[in-house]
């Protein structure tokens, strides 16, 4: 019984992280399409990850301002 609870919790955590990254990527596609197009064209994903991290960080700061 314990392992099934752990697997459900783990899968829910992975799904939450994936949803956050997907939302950040969609936001980045809408707000800064040049960076995304550049990353797709050149194959370098480091600038894309840096922008995604900046978007998530800014969203957390905005969320903490409300609290």
Protein backbone atom coordinates (compact mmCIF):
# COMPACT_ATOMS: atom_id res chain seq x y z
CA UNK A 1 0.00 0.00 0.00
CA UNK A 2 2.85 2.36 0.81
CA UNK A 3 4.53 1.98 -2.59
CA UNK A 4 1.33 2.83 -4.43
CA UNK A 5 0.98 6.08 -2.47
CA UNK A 6 4.60 6.92 -3.20
CA UNK A 7 4.16 6.28 -6.91
CA UNK A 8 1.03 8.44 -7.05
CA UNK A 9 2.78 11.25 -5.20
CA UNK A 10 5.83 11.00 -7.41
CA UNK A 11 3.81 11.01 -10.61
CA UNK A 12 1.77 13.99 -9.39
CA UNK A 13 4.99 15.87 -8.64
CA UNK A 14 6.43 15.09 -12.06
CA UNK A 15 3.18 16.16 -13.70
CA UNK A 16 3.17 19.45 -11.78
CA UNK A 17 6.75 20.23 -12.81
CA UNK A 18 5.99 19.34 -16.43
CA UNK A 19 2.93 21.60 -16.38
CA UNK A 20 4.98 24.51 -15.02
CA UNK A 21 7.63 24.08 -17.72
CA UNK A 22 4.98 23.73 -20.44
CA UNK A 23 3.23 26.90 -19.29
CA UNK A 24 6.54 28.77 -19.18
CA UNK A 25 7.41 27.61 -22.69
CA UNK A 26 4.02 28.67 -24.03
CA UNK A 27 4.40 32.05 -22.35
CA UNK A 28 7.87 32.38 -23.83
CA UNK A 29 6.53 31.50 -27.27
CA UNK A 30 4.01 34.31 -27.00
CA UNK A 31 6.21 36.93 -25.35
CA UNK A 32 9.64 36.28 -26.96
CA UNK A 33 9.25 34.23 -30.14
CA UNK A 34 12.68 35.26 -31.48
CA UNK A 35 14.51 33.37 -28.73
CA UNK A 36 12.43 30.25 -29.33
CA UNK A 37 12.88 30.44 -33.11
CA UNK A 38 16.63 30.95 -32.66
CA UNK A 39 16.86 27.91 -30.38
CA UNK A 40 14.93 25.77 -32.85
CA UNK A 41 17.00 26.93 -35.81
CA UNK A 42 20.45 26.59 -34.25
CA UNK A 43 19.73 23.62 -32.02
CA UNK A 44 21.20 25.35 -28.96
CA UNK A 45 18.85 25.02 -26.05
CA UNK A 46 20.92 26.84 -23.41
CA UNK A 47 19.43 30.28 -24.22
CA UNK A 48 15.96 28.75 -24.22
CA UNK A 49 16.48 27.19 -20.79
CA UNK A 50 17.85 30.48 -19.48
CA UNK A 51 14.75 32.31 -20.70
CA UNK A 52 12.44 29.65 -19.27
CA UNK A 53 14.19 29.93 -15.91
CA UNK A 54 13.82 33.71 -16.03
CA UNK A 55 10.10 33.42 -16.82
CA UNK A 56 9.51 30.96 -13.96
CA UNK A 57 11.54 33.13 -11.58
CA UNK A 58 9.58 36.24 -12.54
CA UNK A 59 6.29 34.36 -12.12
CA UNK A 60 7.32 33.22 -8.62
CA UNK A 61 8.30 36.76 -7.67
CA UNK A 62 4.96 38.07 -8.89
CA UNK A 63 3.13 35.33 -7.01
CA UNK A 64 5.02 36.13 -3.80
CA UNK A 65 4.12 39.81 -4.17
CA UNK A 66 0.46 38.84 -3.89
CA UNK A 67 1.10 36.90 -0.70
